[in-house]
N, C-alpha and C. Protein backbone atom coordinates (compact mmCIF):
# COMPACT_ATOMS: atom_id res chain seq x y z
N MET A 1 -0.20 -34.13 -37.74
CA MET A 1 -0.89 -33.36 -38.76
C MET A 1 0.05 -32.28 -39.29
N THR A 2 0.18 -32.20 -40.56
CA THR A 2 1.07 -31.22 -41.18
C THR A 2 0.25 -30.20 -41.95
N ILE A 3 0.81 -29.02 -42.07
CA ILE A 3 0.15 -27.94 -42.80
C ILE A 3 0.74 -27.88 -44.20
N ASP A 4 -0.15 -27.82 -45.18
CA ASP A 4 0.29 -27.73 -46.57
C ASP A 4 0.52 -26.25 -46.90
N TRP A 5 1.76 -25.84 -47.06
CA TRP A 5 2.11 -24.46 -47.31
C TRP A 5 2.19 -24.12 -48.80
N THR A 6 1.73 -24.97 -49.65
CA THR A 6 1.79 -24.70 -51.09
C THR A 6 0.75 -23.65 -51.45
N VAL A 7 1.08 -22.84 -52.41
CA VAL A 7 0.20 -21.77 -52.87
C VAL A 7 -0.06 -22.02 -54.34
N ASN A 8 -1.32 -21.99 -54.71
CA ASN A 8 -1.63 -22.15 -56.13
C ASN A 8 -2.33 -20.90 -56.63
N ALA A 9 -2.70 -20.88 -57.88
CA ALA A 9 -3.27 -19.69 -58.53
C ALA A 9 -4.59 -19.29 -57.88
N SER A 10 -5.40 -20.24 -57.47
CA SER A 10 -6.68 -19.89 -56.87
C SER A 10 -6.50 -19.16 -55.54
N HIS A 11 -5.47 -19.50 -54.78
CA HIS A 11 -5.20 -18.78 -53.54
C HIS A 11 -4.81 -17.33 -53.83
N ILE A 12 -4.00 -17.14 -54.83
CA ILE A 12 -3.57 -15.78 -55.19
C ILE A 12 -4.75 -14.96 -55.71
N ILE A 13 -5.57 -15.56 -56.56
CA ILE A 13 -6.74 -14.86 -57.10
C ILE A 13 -7.70 -14.50 -55.97
N THR A 14 -7.90 -15.39 -55.03
CA THR A 14 -8.79 -15.13 -53.91
C THR A 14 -8.25 -13.97 -53.06
N ALA A 15 -6.97 -13.96 -52.80
CA ALA A 15 -6.37 -12.89 -51.99
C ALA A 15 -6.49 -11.55 -52.70
N ILE A 16 -6.24 -11.54 -54.01
CA ILE A 16 -6.35 -10.29 -54.78
C ILE A 16 -7.79 -9.80 -54.80
N THR A 17 -8.73 -10.72 -54.99
CA THR A 17 -10.14 -10.34 -55.00
C THR A 17 -10.58 -9.76 -53.66
N LEU A 18 -10.15 -10.37 -52.57
CA LEU A 18 -10.48 -9.85 -51.24
C LEU A 18 -9.88 -8.46 -51.03
N ALA A 19 -8.65 -8.27 -51.47
CA ALA A 19 -8.01 -6.96 -51.31
C ALA A 19 -8.73 -5.89 -52.12
N ILE A 20 -9.11 -6.22 -53.35
CA ILE A 20 -9.83 -5.26 -54.19
C ILE A 20 -11.20 -4.96 -53.57
N GLY A 21 -11.87 -5.98 -53.07
CA GLY A 21 -13.17 -5.77 -52.43
C GLY A 21 -13.06 -4.88 -51.20
N ALA A 22 -12.04 -5.13 -50.38
CA ALA A 22 -11.84 -4.30 -49.18
C ALA A 22 -11.55 -2.85 -49.57
N ALA A 23 -10.72 -2.67 -50.58
CA ALA A 23 -10.40 -1.31 -51.04
C ALA A 23 -11.66 -0.61 -51.56
N GLY A 24 -12.50 -1.34 -52.27
CA GLY A 24 -13.75 -0.77 -52.78
C GLY A 24 -14.68 -0.36 -51.65
N ILE A 25 -14.77 -1.18 -50.63
CA ILE A 25 -15.62 -0.86 -49.48
C ILE A 25 -15.10 0.39 -48.77
N ILE A 26 -13.81 0.47 -48.57
CA ILE A 26 -13.22 1.64 -47.90
C ILE A 26 -13.46 2.90 -48.71
N TYR A 27 -13.26 2.82 -50.02
CA TYR A 27 -13.48 3.99 -50.88
C TYR A 27 -14.94 4.44 -50.82
N THR A 28 -15.87 3.48 -50.87
CA THR A 28 -17.29 3.81 -50.82
C THR A 28 -17.66 4.44 -49.49
N LEU A 29 -17.16 3.91 -48.41
CA LEU A 29 -17.46 4.47 -47.09
C LEU A 29 -16.92 5.88 -46.95
N ARG A 30 -15.71 6.11 -47.44
CA ARG A 30 -15.15 7.46 -47.38
C ARG A 30 -15.99 8.43 -48.19
N SER A 31 -16.44 8.01 -49.34
CA SER A 31 -17.29 8.86 -50.18
C SER A 31 -18.60 9.17 -49.46
N ASP A 32 -19.20 8.16 -48.83
CA ASP A 32 -20.45 8.38 -48.11
C ASP A 32 -20.25 9.33 -46.93
N VAL A 33 -19.16 9.19 -46.21
CA VAL A 33 -18.88 10.06 -45.07
C VAL A 33 -18.70 11.50 -45.54
N ASN A 34 -18.01 11.70 -46.64
CA ASN A 34 -17.81 13.06 -47.16
C ASN A 34 -19.14 13.67 -47.60
N THR A 35 -19.99 12.87 -48.19
CA THR A 35 -21.32 13.35 -48.60
C THR A 35 -22.14 13.76 -47.38
N ILE A 36 -22.10 12.94 -46.35
CA ILE A 36 -22.86 13.24 -45.13
C ILE A 36 -22.32 14.51 -44.47
N LYS A 37 -21.00 14.67 -44.45
CA LYS A 37 -20.41 15.90 -43.88
C LYS A 37 -20.89 17.12 -44.63
N ALA A 38 -20.94 17.02 -45.96
CA ALA A 38 -21.38 18.17 -46.76
C ALA A 38 -22.85 18.49 -46.50
N GLU A 39 -23.66 17.48 -46.23
CA GLU A 39 -25.07 17.72 -45.96
C GLU A 39 -25.31 18.24 -44.55
N ILE A 40 -24.45 17.94 -43.63
CA ILE A 40 -24.61 18.35 -42.24
C ILE A 40 -24.18 19.81 -42.01
N ALA A 41 -23.24 20.29 -42.79
CA ALA A 41 -22.72 21.65 -42.59
C ALA A 41 -23.82 22.71 -42.58
N PRO A 42 -24.73 22.73 -43.57
CA PRO A 42 -25.80 23.75 -43.52
C PRO A 42 -26.74 23.55 -42.33
N ILE A 43 -26.93 22.32 -41.92
CA ILE A 43 -27.80 22.05 -40.78
C ILE A 43 -27.21 22.64 -39.51
N LYS A 44 -25.89 22.55 -39.36
CA LYS A 44 -25.22 23.15 -38.20
C LYS A 44 -25.45 24.65 -38.17
N ALA A 45 -25.34 25.30 -39.32
CA ALA A 45 -25.56 26.75 -39.38
C ALA A 45 -26.99 27.09 -38.98
N ASP A 46 -27.94 26.31 -39.45
CA ASP A 46 -29.34 26.55 -39.09
C ASP A 46 -29.56 26.35 -37.59
N LEU A 47 -28.92 25.34 -37.02
CA LEU A 47 -29.07 25.10 -35.58
C LEU A 47 -28.51 26.26 -34.76
N LYS A 48 -27.40 26.82 -35.21
CA LYS A 48 -26.84 27.98 -34.51
C LYS A 48 -27.82 29.14 -34.53
N GLN A 49 -28.47 29.34 -35.68
CA GLN A 49 -29.46 30.41 -35.77
C GLN A 49 -30.65 30.13 -34.85
N LEU A 50 -31.07 28.88 -34.79
CA LEU A 50 -32.18 28.52 -33.90
C LEU A 50 -31.82 28.76 -32.44
N VAL A 51 -30.59 28.46 -32.08
CA VAL A 51 -30.15 28.71 -30.70
C VAL A 51 -30.24 30.20 -30.40
N ASN A 52 -29.78 31.02 -31.33
CA ASN A 52 -29.85 32.47 -31.12
C ASN A 52 -31.30 32.93 -30.97
N VAL A 53 -32.20 32.38 -31.77
CA VAL A 53 -33.61 32.74 -31.68
C VAL A 53 -34.18 32.33 -30.32
N LEU A 54 -33.83 31.13 -29.87
CA LEU A 54 -34.33 30.68 -28.58
C LEU A 54 -33.82 31.55 -27.43
N VAL A 55 -32.59 31.99 -27.53
CA VAL A 55 -32.03 32.89 -26.51
C VAL A 55 -32.80 34.20 -26.50
N GLN A 56 -33.08 34.73 -27.68
CA GLN A 56 -33.83 35.98 -27.77
C GLN A 56 -35.24 35.81 -27.20
N ILE A 57 -35.87 34.69 -27.49
CA ILE A 57 -37.21 34.43 -26.96
C ILE A 57 -37.16 34.34 -25.43
N GLY A 58 -36.14 33.70 -24.90
CA GLY A 58 -35.98 33.62 -23.45
C GLY A 58 -35.82 35.00 -22.83
N ARG A 59 -35.03 35.83 -23.47
CA ARG A 59 -34.84 37.20 -22.95
C ARG A 59 -36.15 37.98 -22.99
N GLN A 60 -36.88 37.84 -24.09
CA GLN A 60 -38.15 38.55 -24.21
C GLN A 60 -39.14 38.05 -23.15
N ASP A 61 -39.12 36.76 -22.89
CA ASP A 61 -39.99 36.21 -21.87
C ASP A 61 -39.68 36.81 -20.50
N GLU A 62 -38.40 36.92 -20.19
CA GLU A 62 -38.01 37.52 -18.91
C GLU A 62 -38.42 39.00 -18.86
N GLN A 63 -38.28 39.71 -19.97
CA GLN A 63 -38.69 41.11 -20.00
C GLN A 63 -40.20 41.24 -19.78
N ILE A 64 -40.96 40.35 -20.40
CA ILE A 64 -42.42 40.39 -20.23
C ILE A 64 -42.79 40.10 -18.78
N LYS A 65 -42.13 39.12 -18.18
CA LYS A 65 -42.40 38.82 -16.77
C LYS A 65 -42.07 40.02 -15.89
N SER A 66 -40.96 40.69 -16.19
CA SER A 66 -40.57 41.86 -15.41
C SER A 66 -41.60 42.98 -15.56
N LEU A 67 -42.02 43.21 -16.79
CA LEU A 67 -43.02 44.25 -17.03
C LEU A 67 -44.35 43.90 -16.36
N THR A 68 -44.74 42.65 -16.40
CA THR A 68 -45.97 42.21 -15.75
C THR A 68 -45.89 42.45 -14.24
N HIS A 69 -44.74 42.14 -13.67
CA HIS A 69 -44.54 42.36 -12.25
C HIS A 69 -44.64 43.85 -11.91
N ARG A 70 -44.06 44.69 -12.76
CA ARG A 70 -44.10 46.14 -12.51
C ARG A 70 -45.53 46.67 -12.62
N VAL A 71 -46.26 46.18 -13.62
CA VAL A 71 -47.64 46.62 -13.79
C VAL A 71 -48.48 46.18 -12.59
N ASP A 72 -48.27 44.96 -12.13
CA ASP A 72 -49.00 44.47 -10.95
C ASP A 72 -48.70 45.34 -9.73
N LYS A 73 -47.43 45.74 -9.58
CA LYS A 73 -47.07 46.61 -8.45
C LYS A 73 -47.79 47.95 -8.55
N LEU A 74 -47.85 48.50 -9.77
CA LEU A 74 -48.51 49.78 -9.96
C LEU A 74 -50.02 49.68 -9.70
N GLU A 75 -50.61 48.56 -10.08
CA GLU A 75 -52.05 48.39 -9.86
C GLU A 75 -52.38 48.26 -8.38
N ASN A 76 -51.45 47.70 -7.62
CA ASN A 76 -51.70 47.49 -6.19
C ASN A 76 -51.46 48.74 -5.37
N GLN A 77 -50.87 49.75 -5.92
CA GLN A 77 -50.60 50.98 -5.16
C GLN A 77 -51.82 51.84 -5.01
């Protein structure tokens, strides 16, 4: 069995079409990734603020527990 190594116009057109299609897909994916990055940036900032709020709430909870404990001690005296 021998391999036919001849190249005709349809082979060249097919290769060029595949290359253009691959380049188009890569360009589109890069554009989509950049759009997603731009949309995620503000969400990251909001999440950082939420983390700070949760930390403050945790601190306040501990302060309330401490004050409750102190009041209970005073009531028992």
